[in-house]
């Protein structure tokens, strides 16, 4: 029993991704959640690429858990067009932000 050319191509594609250290995920979700899933995937990819670069002070790896939670909040806000009320503008760059600390000054 031989593999079809499509199966071989898919197998080779996944092998090349694995060699590069990249995992490919397929997500099943509702059409209503499509923007949320895409936003979260994009933010996750960008954040992980940033954290692969070593920081001079070594603090980036310590920030991974809080940043991951902020990515989820950011993706939900982006998908639903919400404004985020926070003093942490760095993790929510590119979104509508209301910084109460800045408004008070």
C-alpha atoms as a PDB file:
ATOM      1  CA  UNK A   1       0.000   0.000   0.000  1.00  0.00           C
ATOM      2  CA  UNK A   2       1.640   3.214  -1.157  1.00  0.00           C
ATOM      3  CA  UNK A   3       1.092   6.745   0.040  1.00  0.00           C
ATOM      4  CA  UNK A   4      -0.501   9.200  -2.312  1.00  0.00           C
ATOM      5  CA  UNK A   5       1.568  12.234  -3.349  1.00  0.00           C
ATOM      6  CA  UNK A   6      -0.635  14.427  -1.139  1.00  0.00           C
ATOM      7  CA  UNK A   7       0.003  12.275   1.942  1.00  0.00           C
ATOM      8  CA  UNK A   8       3.752  12.282   1.282  1.00  0.00           C
ATOM      9  CA  UNK A   9       3.762  16.051   0.813  1.00  0.00           C
ATOM     10  CA  UNK A  10       1.853  16.582   4.061  1.00  0.00           C
ATOM     11  CA  UNK A  11       4.175  14.199   5.908  1.00  0.00           C
ATOM     12  CA  UNK A  12       7.256  16.029   4.575  1.00  0.00           C
ATOM     13  CA  UNK A  13       5.745  19.422   5.441  1.00  0.00           C
ATOM     14  CA  UNK A  14       5.104  18.365   9.037  1.00  0.00           C
ATOM     15  CA  UNK A  15       8.593  16.875   9.272  1.00  0.00           C
ATOM     16  CA  UNK A  16      10.181  20.158   8.106  1.00  0.00           C
ATOM     17  CA  UNK A  17       8.107  22.127  10.627  1.00  0.00           C
ATOM     18  CA  UNK A  18       9.171  19.762  13.383  1.00  0.00           C
ATOM     19  CA  UNK A  19      12.849  20.137  12.430  1.00  0.00           C
ATOM     20  CA  UNK A  20      12.481  23.922  12.716  1.00  0.00           C
ATOM     21  CA  UNK A  21      10.854  23.575  16.134  1.00  0.00           C
ATOM     22  CA  UNK A  22       7.463  24.727  14.912  1.00  0.00           C
ATOM     23  CA  UNK A  23       4.239  23.036  15.887  1.00  0.00           C
ATOM     24  CA  UNK A  24       1.182  23.288  13.674  1.00  0.00           C
ATOM     25  CA  UNK A  25      -2.136  23.368  15.428  1.00  0.00           C
ATOM     26  CA  UNK A  26      -5.613  23.023  14.055  1.00  0.00           C
ATOM     27  CA  UNK A  27      -8.365  24.612  16.091  1.00  0.00           C
ATOM     28  CA  UNK A  28     -12.033  23.813  15.780  1.00  0.00           C
ATOM     29  CA  UNK A  29     -14.370  26.531  16.933  1.00  0.00           C
ATOM     30  CA  UNK A  30     -17.550  28.382  16.224  1.00  0.00           C
ATOM     31  CA  UNK A  31     -17.644  30.898  13.391  1.00  0.00           C
ATOM     32  CA  UNK A  32     -18.437  33.545  16.004  1.00  0.00           C
ATOM     33  CA  UNK A  33     -15.090  32.847  17.688  1.00  0.00           C
ATOM     34  CA  UNK A  34     -12.989  33.033  14.515  1.00  0.00           C
ATOM     35  CA  UNK A  35     -11.719  36.582  15.172  1.00  0.00           C
ATOM     36  CA  UNK A  36     -10.897  35.680  18.777  1.00  0.00           C
ATOM     37  CA  UNK A  37      -8.926  32.571  17.798  1.00  0.00           C
ATOM     38  CA  UNK A  38      -6.995  34.404  15.076  1.00  0.00           C
ATOM     39  CA  UNK A  39      -6.214  37.321  17.374  1.00  0.00           C
ATOM     40  CA  UNK A  40      -5.008  35.026  20.145  1.00  0.00           C
ATOM     41  CA  UNK A  41      -2.876  32.958  17.749  1.00  0.00           C
ATOM     42  CA  UNK A  42      -1.276  36.090  16.295  1.00  0.00           C
ATOM     43  CA  UNK A  43      -0.511  37.535  19.718  1.00  0.00           C
ATOM     44  CA  UNK A  44       0.847  34.226  20.968  1.00  0.00           C
ATOM     45  CA  UNK A  45       3.154  33.884  17.967  1.00  0.00           C
ATOM     46  CA  UNK A  46       4.497  37.443  18.310  1.00  0.00           C
ATOM     47  CA  UNK A  47       5.036  37.076  22.053  1.00  0.00           C
ATOM     48  CA  UNK A  48       6.856  33.768  21.752  1.00  0.00           C
ATOM     49  CA  UNK A  49       9.122  35.175  19.042  1.00  0.00           C
ATOM     50  CA  UNK A  50       9.941  38.107  21.326  1.00  0.00           C
ATOM     51  CA  UNK A  51      10.655  35.839  24.307  1.00  0.00           C
ATOM     52  CA  UNK A  52      13.036  33.668  22.276  1.00  0.00           C
ATOM     53  CA  UNK A  53      15.407  36.622  22.152  1.00  0.00           C
ATOM     54  CA  UNK A  54      17.314  36.781  25.459  1.00  0.00           C
ATOM     55  CA  UNK A  55      16.737  39.929  27.465  1.00  0.00           C
ATOM     56  CA  UNK A  56      19.700  41.759  28.911  1.00  0.00           C
ATOM     57  CA  UNK A  57      18.263  41.645  32.410  1.00  0.00           C
ATOM     58  CA  UNK A  58      16.730  38.142  32.084  1.00  0.00           C
ATOM     59  CA  UNK A  59      13.262  39.327  33.114  1.00  0.00           C
ATOM     60  CA  UNK A  60      11.371  38.357  29.942  1.00  0.00           C
ATOM     61  CA  UNK A  61      11.165  34.711  30.910  1.00  0.00           C
ATOM     62  CA  UNK A  62       9.774  35.672  34.322  1.00  0.00           C
ATOM     63  CA  UNK A  63       6.986  37.597  32.606  1.00  0.00           C
ATOM     64  CA  UNK A  64       5.710  34.693  30.492  1.00  0.00           C
ATOM     65  CA  UNK A  65       2.711  33.706  32.674  1.00  0.00           C
ATOM     66  CA  UNK A  66       1.341  37.247  33.160  1.00  0.00           C
ATOM     67  CA  UNK A  67       1.901  38.025  29.478  1.00  0.00           C
ATOM     68  CA  UNK A  68       0.038  34.876  28.465  1.00  0.00           C
ATOM     69  CA  UNK A  69      -2.960  35.939  30.548  1.00  0.00           C
ATOM     70  CA  UNK A  70      -2.788  39.441  29.082  1.00  0.00           C
ATOM     71  CA  UNK A  71      -2.740  37.937  25.573  1.00  0.00           C
ATOM     72  CA  UNK A  72      -6.036  36.208  26.291  1.00  0.00           C
ATOM     73  CA  UNK A  73      -7.574  39.443  27.585  1.00  0.00           C
ATOM     74  CA  UNK A  74      -6.215  41.359  24.583  1.00  0.00           C
ATOM     75  CA  UNK A  75      -7.552  38.814  22.092  1.00  0.00           C
ATOM     76  CA  UNK A  76     -11.022  38.913  23.659  1.00  0.00           C
ATOM     77  CA  UNK A  77     -11.018  42.721  23.675  1.00  0.00           C
ATOM     78  CA  UNK A  78      -9.792  42.897  20.072  1.00  0.00           C
ATOM     79  CA  UNK A  79     -12.346  40.375  18.817  1.00  0.00           C
ATOM     80  CA  UNK A  80     -15.196  42.229  20.497  1.00  0.00           C
ATOM     81  CA  UNK A  81     -14.028  45.816  19.921  1.00  0.00           C
ATOM     82  CA  UNK A  82     -13.673  46.569  23.634  1.00  0.00           C
ATOM     83  CA  UNK A  83     -11.570  49.194  25.383  1.00  0.00           C
ATOM     84  CA  UNK A  84      -9.103  47.868  27.947  1.00  0.00           C
ATOM     85  CA  UNK A  85      -8.775  49.766  31.214  1.00  0.00           C
ATOM     86  CA  UNK A  86      -5.227  49.190  32.442  1.00  0.00           C
ATOM     87  CA  UNK A  87      -2.024  50.857  33.501  1.00  0.00           C
ATOM     88  CA  UNK A  88      -0.064  48.264  31.524  1.00  0.00           C
ATOM     89  CA  UNK A  89       0.049  49.767  28.043  1.00  0.00           C
ATOM     90  CA  UNK A  90       2.977  47.639  26.843  1.00  0.00           C
ATOM     91  CA  UNK A  91       1.121  44.300  26.796  1.00  0.00           C
ATOM     92  CA  UNK A  92      -1.931  45.831  25.102  1.00  0.00           C
ATOM     93  CA  UNK A  93      -0.230  47.880  22.380  1.00  0.00           C
ATOM     94  CA  UNK A  94      -2.359  48.412  19.300  1.00  0.00           C
ATOM     95  CA  UNK A  95      -5.680  48.209  21.164  1.00  0.00           C
ATOM     96  CA  UNK A  96      -8.029  50.840  22.540  1.00  0.00           C
ATOM     97  CA  UNK A  97      -6.681  51.528  26.030  1.00  0.00           C
ATOM     98  CA  UNK A  98      -7.910  53.718  28.852  1.00  0.00           C
ATOM     99  CA  UNK A  99      -5.097  54.222  31.363  1.00  0.00           C
ATOM    100  CA  UNK A 100      -6.600  55.507  34.634  1.00  0.00           C
ATOM    101  CA  UNK A 101      -3.126  56.227  36.004  1.00  0.00           C
ATOM    102  CA  UNK A 102      -2.333  58.542  33.118  1.00  0.00           C
ATOM    103  CA  UNK A 103      -5.736  60.254  33.244  1.00  0.00           C
ATOM    104  CA  UNK A 104      -5.260  61.050  36.944  1.00  0.00           C
ATOM    105  CA  UNK A 105      -2.041  63.012  36.331  1.00  0.00           C
END
